[in-house]
C-alpha atoms as a PDB file:
ATOM      1  CA  MET A   1       0.000   0.000   0.000  1.00  0.00           C
ATOM      2  CA  GLU A   2       2.759   2.448   0.946  1.00  0.00           C
ATOM      3  CA  TYR A   3       4.549   1.893  -2.357  1.00  0.00           C
ATOM      4  CA  MET A   4       1.346   2.569  -4.301  1.00  0.00           C
ATOM      5  CA  LEU A   5       1.181   5.869  -2.431  1.00  0.00           C
ATOM      6  CA  LEU A   6       4.711   6.635  -3.616  1.00  0.00           C
ATOM      7  CA  VAL A   7       3.707   5.955  -7.227  1.00  0.00           C
ATOM      8  CA  ILE A   8       0.863   8.474  -6.834  1.00  0.00           C
ATOM      9  CA  VAL A   9       3.208  10.990  -5.180  1.00  0.00           C
ATOM     10  CA  GLY A  10       5.639  10.502  -8.053  1.00  0.00           C
ATOM     11  CA  PHE A  11       2.935  11.121 -10.642  1.00  0.00           C
ATOM     12  CA  LEU A  12       1.812  14.349  -8.947  1.00  0.00           C
ATOM     13  CA  ALA A  13       5.406  15.499  -8.537  1.00  0.00           C
ATOM     14  CA  GLY A  14       6.213  14.767 -12.174  1.00  0.00           C
ATOM     15  CA  THR A  15       3.104  16.524 -13.459  1.00  0.00           C
ATOM     16  CA  ILE A  16       3.465  19.695 -11.385  1.00  0.00           C
ATOM     17  CA  GLY A  17       7.249  19.818 -11.752  1.00  0.00           C
ATOM     18  CA  SER A  18       7.157  19.480 -15.529  1.00  0.00           C
ATOM     19  CA  LEU A  19       4.235  21.878 -15.909  1.00  0.00           C
ATOM     20  CA  VAL A  20       6.060  24.831 -14.319  1.00  0.00           C
ATOM     21  CA  GLY A  21       9.712  23.721 -14.514  1.00  0.00           C
ATOM     22  CA  LEU A  22      10.315  23.086 -10.807  1.00  0.00           C
ATOM     23  CA  GLY A  23      11.557  19.521 -11.039  1.00  0.00           C
ATOM     24  CA  GLY A  24       9.159  17.771  -8.660  1.00  0.00           C
ATOM     25  CA  GLY A  25      11.241  17.882  -5.493  1.00  0.00           C
ATOM     26  CA  VAL A  26       8.777  20.380  -4.014  1.00  0.00           C
ATOM     27  CA  ILE A  27       6.319  17.485  -3.822  1.00  0.00           C
ATOM     28  CA  VAL A  28       8.623  14.505  -3.209  1.00  0.00           C
ATOM     29  CA  VAL A  29      10.620  15.880  -0.247  1.00  0.00           C
ATOM     30  CA  PRO A  30       7.684  16.952   1.977  1.00  0.00           C
ATOM     31  CA  SER A  31       5.699  13.848   0.989  1.00  0.00           C
ATOM     32  CA  LEU A  32       8.495  11.513   2.087  1.00  0.00           C
ATOM     33  CA  LEU A  33       8.908  13.408   5.355  1.00  0.00           C
ATOM     34  CA  PHE A  34       5.145  13.346   5.994  1.00  0.00           C
ATOM     35  CA  LEU A  35       4.762   9.640   5.190  1.00  0.00           C
ATOM     36  CA  GLY A  36       7.742   8.872   7.420  1.00  0.00           C
ATOM     37  CA  ALA A  37       6.359  10.970  10.301  1.00  0.00           C
ATOM     38  CA  THR A  38       2.952   9.259  10.060  1.00  0.00           C
ATOM     39  CA  HIS A  39       4.601   5.811   9.950  1.00  0.00           C
ATOM     40  CA  TRP A  40       3.317   4.959   6.470  1.00  0.00           C
ATOM     41  CA  LEU A  41       6.998   4.573   5.639  1.00  0.00           C
ATOM     42  CA  PRO A  42      10.031   3.734   7.771  1.00  0.00           C
ATOM     43  CA  HIS A  43      11.675   6.758   9.401  1.00  0.00           C
ATOM     44  CA  VAL A  44      12.788   9.311   6.809  1.00  0.00           C
ATOM     45  CA  THR A  45      15.415  11.927   7.668  1.00  0.00           C
ATOM     46  CA  PRO A  46      15.568  15.262   5.800  1.00  0.00           C
ATOM     47  CA  GLN A  47      18.864  14.185   4.214  1.00  0.00           C
ATOM     48  CA  LEU A  48      17.330  10.899   3.040  1.00  0.00           C
ATOM     49  CA  ALA A  49      14.311  12.721   1.612  1.00  0.00           C
ATOM     50  CA  VAL A  50      16.497  15.190  -0.285  1.00  0.00           C
ATOM     51  CA  GLY A  51      18.878  12.532  -1.603  1.00  0.00           C
ATOM     52  CA  THR A  52      16.069  10.247  -2.754  1.00  0.00           C
ATOM     53  CA  SER A  53      14.255  13.204  -4.303  1.00  0.00           C
ATOM     54  CA  LEU A  54      17.280  14.229  -6.354  1.00  0.00           C
ATOM     55  CA  VAL A  55      17.666  10.715  -7.782  1.00  0.00           C
ATOM     56  CA  VAL A  56      13.984  10.713  -8.748  1.00  0.00           C
ATOM     57  CA  ILE A  57      14.250  14.201 -10.288  1.00  0.00           C
ATOM     58  CA  ILE A  58      16.779  12.825 -12.802  1.00  0.00           C
ATOM     59  CA  PHE A  59      13.977  10.851 -14.429  1.00  0.00           C
ATOM     60  CA  ASN A  60      11.541  13.749 -14.133  1.00  0.00           C
ATOM     61  CA  GLY A  61      14.004  16.016 -15.946  1.00  0.00           C
ATOM     62  CA  LEU A  62      14.791  13.442 -18.613  1.00  0.00           C
ATOM     63  CA  SER A  63      11.152  12.595 -19.344  1.00  0.00           C
ATOM     64  CA  SER A  64      10.180  16.286 -19.498  1.00  0.00           C
ATOM     65  CA  THR A  65      13.125  17.220 -21.698  1.00  0.00           C
ATOM     66  CA  LEU A  66      12.328  14.465 -24.187  1.00  0.00           C
ATOM     67  CA  SER A  67       8.729  15.720 -24.376  1.00  0.00           C
ATOM     68  CA  TYR A  68       9.708  19.374 -24.803  1.00  0.00           C
ATOM     69  CA  MET A  69      12.368  18.463 -27.376  1.00  0.00           C
ATOM     70  CA  LYS A  70       9.653  17.354 -29.783  1.00  0.00           C
ATOM     71  CA  GLU A  71       8.149  20.852 -29.682  1.00  0.00           C
ATOM     72  CA  LYS A  72      11.573  22.566 -30.023  1.00  0.00           C
ATOM     73  CA  MET A  73      10.990  24.477 -26.787  1.00  0.00           C
ATOM     74  CA  VAL A  74      14.347  23.676 -25.125  1.00  0.00           C
ATOM     75  CA  ASP A  75      17.143  26.263 -25.465  1.00  0.00           C
ATOM     76  CA  TYR A  76      20.066  23.837 -25.215  1.00  0.00           C
ATOM     77  CA  GLN A  77      22.870  26.391 -25.537  1.00  0.00           C
ATOM     78  CA  SER A  78      21.449  28.523 -22.735  1.00  0.00           C
ATOM     79  CA  GLY A  79      20.753  25.458 -20.598  1.00  0.00           C
ATOM     80  CA  LEU A  80      24.323  24.197 -20.948  1.00  0.00           C
ATOM     81  CA  LEU A  81      25.715  27.664 -20.144  1.00  0.00           C
ATOM     82  CA  PHE A  82      23.528  27.921 -17.038  1.00  0.00           C
ATOM     83  CA  PHE A  83      24.642  24.428 -16.022  1.00  0.00           C
ATOM     84  CA  ILE A  84      28.256  25.630 -15.874  1.00  0.00           C
ATOM     85  CA  GLY A  85      27.131  27.554 -12.797  1.00  0.00           C
ATOM     86  CA  SER A  86      24.361  25.344 -11.460  1.00  0.00           C
ATOM     87  CA  GLY A  87      26.414  22.109 -11.570  1.00  0.00           C
ATOM     88  CA  PRO A  88      29.091  23.213  -9.061  1.00  0.00           C
ATOM     89  CA  GLY A  89      26.434  25.042  -7.058  1.00  0.00           C
ATOM     90  CA  ALA A  90      24.394  21.836  -6.760  1.00  0.00           C
ATOM     91  CA  ILE A  91      27.439  19.894  -5.492  1.00  0.00           C
ATOM     92  CA  ILE A  92      28.211  22.485  -2.809  1.00  0.00           C
ATOM     93  CA  GLY A  93      24.539  22.771  -1.856  1.00  0.00           C
ATOM     94  CA  ALA A  94      24.188  19.005  -1.445  1.00  0.00           C
ATOM     95  CA  TRP A  95      27.282  18.955   0.760  1.00  0.00           C
ATOM     96  CA  MET A  96      26.019  21.898   2.849  1.00  0.00           C
ATOM     97  CA  ASN A  97      22.705  20.088   3.373  1.00  0.00           C
ATOM     98  CA  ASN A  98      24.462  17.828   5.888  1.00  0.00           C
ATOM     99  CA  LYS A  99      26.164  20.746   7.650  1.00  0.00           C
ATOM    100  CA  LEU A 100      23.510  23.428   8.140  1.00  0.00           C
ATOM    101  CA  SER A 101      20.504  23.889  10.384  1.00  0.00           C
ATOM    102  CA  LEU A 102      17.881  25.116   7.913  1.00  0.00           C
ATOM    103  CA  GLU A 103      15.026  26.269  10.159  1.00  0.00           C
ATOM    104  CA  HIS A 104      15.622  30.043   9.940  1.00  0.00           C
ATOM    105  CA  PHE A 105      16.973  29.734   6.420  1.00  0.00           C
ATOM    106  CA  SER A 106      13.716  28.078   5.341  1.00  0.00           C
ATOM    107  CA  LEU A 107      11.770  31.059   6.703  1.00  0.00           C
ATOM    108  CA  TYR A 108      13.729  33.602   4.674  1.00  0.00           C
ATOM    109  CA  PHE A 109      13.787  31.435   1.574  1.00  0.00           C
ATOM    110  CA  GLY A 110      10.015  30.938   1.797  1.00  0.00           C
ATOM    111  CA  LEU A 111       9.438  34.691   2.080  1.00  0.00           C
ATOM    112  CA  PHE A 112      11.770  35.230  -0.863  1.00  0.00           C
ATOM    113  CA  LEU A 113       9.840  32.789  -3.070  1.00  0.00           C
ATOM    114  CA  ILE A 114       6.567  34.548  -2.272  1.00  0.00           C
ATOM    115  CA  ALA A 115       8.175  37.871  -3.206  1.00  0.00           C
ATOM    116  CA  VAL A 116       9.412  36.371  -6.472  1.00  0.00           C
ATOM    117  CA  SER A 117       5.877  35.247  -7.328  1.00  0.00           C
ATOM    118  CA  PHE A 118       4.746  38.881  -7.123  1.00  0.00           C
ATOM    119  CA  PHE A 119       7.717  40.148  -9.153  1.00  0.00           C
ATOM    120  CA  LEU A 120       6.609  37.857 -11.965  1.00  0.00           C
ATOM    121  CA  SER A 121       3.472  39.949 -12.412  1.00  0.00           C
ATOM    122  CA  PHE A 122       5.650  42.938 -13.362  1.00  0.00           C
ATOM    123  CA  SER A 123       7.838  41.020 -15.823  1.00  0.00           C
ATOM    124  CA  LYS A 124       7.175  41.999 -19.437  1.00  0.00           C
ATOM    125  CA  ASN A 125       9.035  40.609 -22.380  1.00  0.00           C
ATOM    126  CA  SER A 126       8.510  43.820 -24.348  1.00  0.00           C
ATOM    127  CA  SER A 127      10.854  45.672 -21.975  1.00  0.00           C
ATOM    128  CA  VAL A 128      13.770  43.683 -23.363  1.00  0.00           C
ATOM    129  CA  ARG A 129      14.041  46.258 -26.132  1.00  0.00           C
ATOM    130  CA  SER A 130      15.383  48.835 -23.715  1.00  0.00           C
ATOM    131  CA  GLN A 131      17.972  46.394 -22.366  1.00  0.00           C
ATOM    132  CA  ARG A 132      18.950  44.599 -25.555  1.00  0.00           C
ATOM    133  CA  LYS A 133      22.274  46.438 -25.713  1.00  0.00           C
ATOM    134  CA  THR A 134      23.313  44.914 -22.379  1.00  0.00           C
ATOM    135  CA  PHE A 135      22.762  41.375 -23.664  1.00  0.00           C
ATOM    136  CA  LYS A 136      25.735  39.702 -25.327  1.00  0.00           C
ATOM    137  CA  ILE A 137      23.579  36.742 -26.371  1.00  0.00           C
ATOM    138  CA  THR A 138      20.067  37.180 -27.802  1.00  0.00           C
ATOM    139  CA  ARG A 139      17.454  34.721 -29.043  1.00  0.00           C
ATOM    140  CA  THR A 140      13.965  34.868 -30.568  1.00  0.00           C
ATOM    141  CA  TYR A 141      10.997  32.558 -30.058  1.00  0.00           C
ATOM    142  CA  ILE A 142       7.463  32.425 -31.489  1.00  0.00           C
ATOM    143  CA  THR A 143       4.918  31.774 -28.735  1.00  0.00           C
ATOM    144  CA  ASN A 144       1.733  29.705 -28.903  1.00  0.00           C
ATOM    145  CA  GLU A 145      -0.125  32.962 -29.562  1.00  0.00           C
ATOM    146  CA  GLY A 146       2.046  33.720 -32.608  1.00  0.00           C
ATOM    147  CA  GLU A 147       4.001  36.528 -30.891  1.00  0.00           C
ATOM    148  CA  THR A 148       7.729  36.829 -31.639  1.00  0.00           C
ATOM    149  CA  VAL A 149       9.626  37.354 -28.378  1.00  0.00           C
ATOM    150  CA  THR A 150      13.256  38.437 -28.036  1.00  0.00           C
ATOM    151  CA  TYR A 151      15.214  37.420 -24.950  1.00  0.00           C
ATOM    152  CA  GLY A 152      18.869  37.312 -23.937  1.00  0.00           C
ATOM    153  CA  TYR A 153      21.521  37.564 -21.237  1.00  0.00           C
ATOM    154  CA  ASN A 154      25.102  38.335 -20.308  1.00  0.00           C
ATOM    155  CA  PRO A 155      26.940  34.962 -20.000  1.00  0.00           C
ATOM    156  CA  ILE A 156      28.905  35.920 -16.852  1.00  0.00           C
ATOM    157  CA  VAL A 157      25.796  37.165 -15.051  1.00  0.00           C
ATOM    158  CA  ALA A 158      23.890  34.060 -16.146  1.00  0.00           C
ATOM    159  CA  ILE A 159      26.580  31.712 -14.767  1.00  0.00           C
ATOM    160  CA  VAL A 160      26.707  33.519 -11.410  1.00  0.00           C
ATOM    161  CA  ILE A 161      22.923  33.436 -11.017  1.00  0.00           C
ATOM    162  CA  SER A 162      22.719  29.777 -12.032  1.00  0.00           C
ATOM    163  CA  PHE A 163      25.421  28.928  -9.452  1.00  0.00           C
ATOM    164  CA  ILE A 164      23.220  30.443  -6.723  1.00  0.00           C
ATOM    165  CA  VAL A 165      20.208  28.551  -8.083  1.00  0.00           C
ATOM    166  CA  GLY A 166      22.097  25.244  -8.123  1.00  0.00           C
ATOM    167  CA  PHE A 167      23.287  25.842  -4.570  1.00  0.00           C
ATOM    168  CA  PHE A 168      19.745  26.275  -3.238  1.00  0.00           C
ATOM    169  CA  GLY A 169      18.549  23.315  -5.278  1.00  0.00           C
ATOM    170  CA  GLY A 170      21.208  21.094  -3.707  1.00  0.00           C
ATOM    171  CA  ILE A 171      20.356  22.236  -0.186  1.00  0.00           C
ATOM    172  CA  PHE A 172      16.572  21.902  -0.408  1.00  0.00           C
ATOM    173  CA  GLY A 173      16.317  19.070  -2.950  1.00  0.00           C
ATOM    174  CA  ILE A 174      13.976  21.126  -5.158  1.00  0.00           C
ATOM    175  CA  GLY A 175      15.984  20.925  -8.377  1.00  0.00           C
ATOM    176  CA  GLY A 176      16.635  24.659  -8.570  1.00  0.00           C
ATOM    177  CA  GLY A 177      13.698  25.389 -10.879  1.00  0.00           C
ATOM    178  CA  SER A 178      11.836  27.387  -8.232  1.00  0.00           C
ATOM    179  CA  LEU A 179      14.471  30.087  -8.729  1.00  0.00           C
ATOM    180  CA  MET A 180      15.754  29.411 -12.245  1.00  0.00           C
ATOM    181  CA  VAL A 181      12.427  29.739 -14.051  1.00  0.00           C
ATOM    182  CA  PRO A 182      11.589  33.129 -12.444  1.00  0.00           C
ATOM    183  CA  ALA A 183      15.195  34.291 -13.002  1.00  0.00           C
ATOM    184  CA  MET A 184      15.043  33.434 -16.694  1.00  0.00           C
ATOM    185  CA  MET A 185      11.706  35.219 -17.063  1.00  0.00           C
ATOM    186  CA  ILE A 186      12.410  38.307 -14.927  1.00  0.00           C
ATOM    187  CA  LEU A 187      16.113  38.917 -15.630  1.00  0.00           C
ATOM    188  CA  PHE A 188      16.577  37.446 -19.103  1.00  0.00           C
ATOM    189  CA  PHE A 189      13.021  37.823 -20.504  1.00  0.00           C
ATOM    190  CA  PHE A 190      12.642  34.165 -21.497  1.00  0.00           C
ATOM    191  CA  PRO A 191       9.151  33.276 -22.792  1.00  0.00           C
ATOM    192  CA  PRO A 192       7.405  31.175 -20.090  1.00  0.00           C
ATOM    193  CA  HIS A 193       7.288  28.008 -22.207  1.00  0.00           C
ATOM    194  CA  VAL A 194      10.984  28.214 -23.101  1.00  0.00           C
ATOM    195  CA  ALA A 195      11.920  28.997 -19.490  1.00  0.00           C
ATOM    196  CA  VAL A 196      10.065  25.922 -18.221  1.00  0.00           C
ATOM    197  CA  ALA A 197      11.451  23.585 -20.917  1.00  0.00           C
ATOM    198  CA  THR A 198      15.031  24.845 -20.518  1.00  0.00           C
ATOM    199  CA  SER A 199      14.719  24.622 -16.729  1.00  0.00           C
ATOM    200  CA  MET A 200      13.764  20.936 -16.980  1.00  0.00           C
ATOM    201  CA  PHE A 201      16.812  20.311 -19.182  1.00  0.00           C
ATOM    202  CA  MET A 202      19.004  22.013 -16.577  1.00  0.00           C
ATOM    203  CA  ILE A 203      17.306  20.136 -13.750  1.00  0.00           C
ATOM    204  CA  PHE A 204      18.108  16.858 -15.472  1.00  0.00           C
ATOM    205  CA  LEU A 205      21.797  17.790 -15.662  1.00  0.00           C
ATOM    206  CA  SER A 206      22.110  19.322 -12.184  1.00  0.00           C
ATOM    207  CA  SER A 207      20.208  16.525 -10.440  1.00  0.00           C
ATOM    208  CA  LEU A 208      22.615  14.032 -12.018  1.00  0.00           C
ATOM    209  CA  VAL A 209      25.486  15.867 -10.333  1.00  0.00           C
ATOM    210  CA  SER A 210      23.931  16.575  -6.936  1.00  0.00           C
ATOM    211  CA  SER A 211      22.408  13.087  -6.633  1.00  0.00           C
ATOM    212  CA  LEU A 212      25.873  11.555  -7.009  1.00  0.00           C
ATOM    213  CA  THR A 213      26.936  13.529  -3.950  1.00  0.00           C
ATOM    214  CA  HIS A 214      23.997  12.199  -1.934  1.00  0.00           C
ATOM    215  CA  ILE A 215      24.562   8.644  -3.193  1.00  0.00           C
ATOM    216  CA  PHE A 216      28.173   8.861  -1.993  1.00  0.00           C
ATOM    217  CA  MET A 217      26.905  10.071   1.412  1.00  0.00           C
ATOM    218  CA  GLY A 218      24.366   7.209   1.626  1.00  0.00           C
ATOM    219  CA  ASN A 219      21.373   9.558   1.557  1.00  0.00           C
ATOM    220  CA  VAL A 220      19.254   7.560  -0.927  1.00  0.00           C
ATOM    221  CA  GLN A 221      16.516   5.041  -0.056  1.00  0.00           C
ATOM    222  CA  TRP A 222      16.502   2.999  -3.257  1.00  0.00           C
ATOM    223  CA  LEU A 223      13.216   1.165  -2.621  1.00  0.00           C
ATOM    224  CA  PHE A 224      11.432   4.520  -2.311  1.00  0.00           C
ATOM    225  CA  ALA A 225      13.151   5.800  -5.450  1.00  0.00           C
ATOM    226  CA  LEU A 226      12.137   2.741  -7.476  1.00  0.00           C
ATOM    227  CA  ALA A 227       8.511   3.245  -6.449  1.00  0.00           C
ATOM    228  CA  LEU A 228       8.562   6.974  -7.227  1.00  0.00           C
ATOM    229  CA  ILE A 229      10.302   6.832 -10.622  1.00  0.00           C
ATOM    230  CA  PRO A 230       7.475   5.243 -12.722  1.00  0.00           C
ATOM    231  CA  GLY A 231       4.967   7.815 -11.451  1.00  0.00           C
ATOM    232  CA  VAL A 232       7.402  10.674 -12.020  1.00  0.00           C
ATOM    233  CA  TRP A 233       8.200   9.518 -15.565  1.00  0.00           C
ATOM    234  CA  PHE A 234       4.579   9.470 -16.749  1.00  0.00           C
ATOM    235  CA  GLY A 235       3.681  12.513 -14.656  1.00  0.00           C
ATOM    236  CA  ALA A 236       6.414  14.514 -16.377  1.00  0.00           C
ATOM    237  CA  LYS A 237       4.984  13.642 -19.780  1.00  0.00           C
ATOM    238  CA  THR A 238       1.520  14.664 -18.563  1.00  0.00           C
ATOM    239  CA  GLY A 239       2.811  18.003 -17.251  1.00  0.00           C
ATOM    240  CA  ALA A 240       4.624  18.732 -20.524  1.00  0.00           C
ATOM    241  CA  PHE A 241       1.472  17.832 -22.491  1.00  0.00           C
ATOM    242  CA  ILE A 242      -0.602  20.299 -20.438  1.00  0.00           C
ATOM    243  CA  ASN A 243       2.075  23.029 -20.593  1.00  0.00           C
ATOM    244  CA  LYS A 244       2.261  22.952 -24.390  1.00  0.00           C
ATOM    245  CA  ARG A 245      -1.470  23.664 -24.598  1.00  0.00           C
ATOM    246  CA  LEU A 246      -1.570  26.581 -22.156  1.00  0.00           C
ATOM    247  CA  ARG A 247      -1.230  30.252 -23.023  1.00  0.00           C
ATOM    248  CA  SER A 248       1.919  31.994 -21.763  1.00  0.00           C
ATOM    249  CA  LYS A 249      -0.042  34.058 -19.233  1.00  0.00           C
ATOM    250  CA  THR A 250      -1.626  30.911 -17.832  1.00  0.00           C
ATOM    251  CA  VAL A 251       1.787  29.279 -17.352  1.00  0.00           C
ATOM    252  CA  VAL A 252       2.907  32.353 -15.388  1.00  0.00           C
ATOM    253  CA  ILE A 253      -0.209  32.264 -13.200  1.00  0.00           C
ATOM    254  CA  VAL A 254       0.295  28.574 -12.390  1.00  0.00           C
ATOM    255  CA  LEU A 255       3.993  29.205 -11.651  1.00  0.00           C
ATOM    256  CA  ARG A 256       3.145  32.078  -9.294  1.00  0.00           C
ATOM    257  CA  LEU A 257       0.623  29.914  -7.440  1.00  0.00           C
ATOM    258  CA  VAL A 258       3.121  27.076  -7.002  1.00  0.00           C
ATOM    259  CA  LEU A 259       5.807  29.506  -5.758  1.00  0.00           C
ATOM    260  CA  VAL A 260       3.428  30.943  -3.158  1.00  0.00           C
ATOM    261  CA  LEU A 261       2.454  27.470  -1.946  1.00  0.00           C
ATOM    262  CA  LEU A 262       6.117  26.430  -1.814  1.00  0.00           C
ATOM    263  CA  GLY A 263       6.987  29.594   0.117  1.00  0.00           C
ATOM    264  CA  ILE A 264       4.196  28.965   2.625  1.00  0.00           C
ATOM    265  CA  ARG A 265       5.405  25.398   3.068  1.00  0.00           C
ATOM    266  CA  LEU A 266       8.966  26.526   3.809  1.00  0.00           C
ATOM    267  CA  ILE A 267       7.737  29.174   6.277  1.00  0.00           C
ATOM    268  CA  TYR A 268       5.592  26.573   8.040  1.00  0.00           C
ATOM    269  CA  GLU A 269       8.550  24.191   8.253  1.00  0.00           C
ATOM    270  CA  SER A 270      10.678  26.906   9.868  1.00  0.00           C
ATOM    271  CA  PHE A 271       8.235  27.108  12.798  1.00  0.00           C
ATOM    272  CA  SER A 272       7.437  23.390  13.123  1.00  0.00           C
END
């Protein structure tokens, strides 16, 4: 019975994670901790939940990326450049997970995510015109609504930001997408669909790296992972299917809602 629950958790995590580019750890980590606390599963430590989540996220990222590839929504060059920063950040974050007390940190991070959700409402791709000269790399994309959007970034700035994102992803086991997707949209003016698809590509790469660190530390419960992976795989395909049929504004609204809920969860954890 408990392993059927994990399959369901995996499916929900894969669907939500792929839909808004957050990777699925926002569902897997608290679910494992809750099921462990209520004795549906053997005792689950935070480190075990994070390590198991990161292994599962590999398959979430891979399944999502394969789905988004078919629609040519993944910006591979940008994703690989961001990974130069997020990869090392994920390693350090995973290592710091075993060293830090995260109660107060969770409070501030939760408040920050809620603030980010509100900043998204002021992000407008049209404003990239006034900042185009500051971008050393620019791209164009035609949205589902037929609008041609220009976006871009400075490579050095992008690497620094992605390092910070990878670091937080490694610490909290959330894959980094909770920060990377808003960063790509607010700072670099990525179209929502491209931001989500590219984030899942990055999450696949960064979770490969950070999960190796947790495997080395013995922070993975393989029976849980094997139960979660099938649900995550098909959930990711479901989330990508839904995403491709939503308008850009709808994707942003869903992302903002998930960020607020994630922020509330982290704030609650800081007081529990």
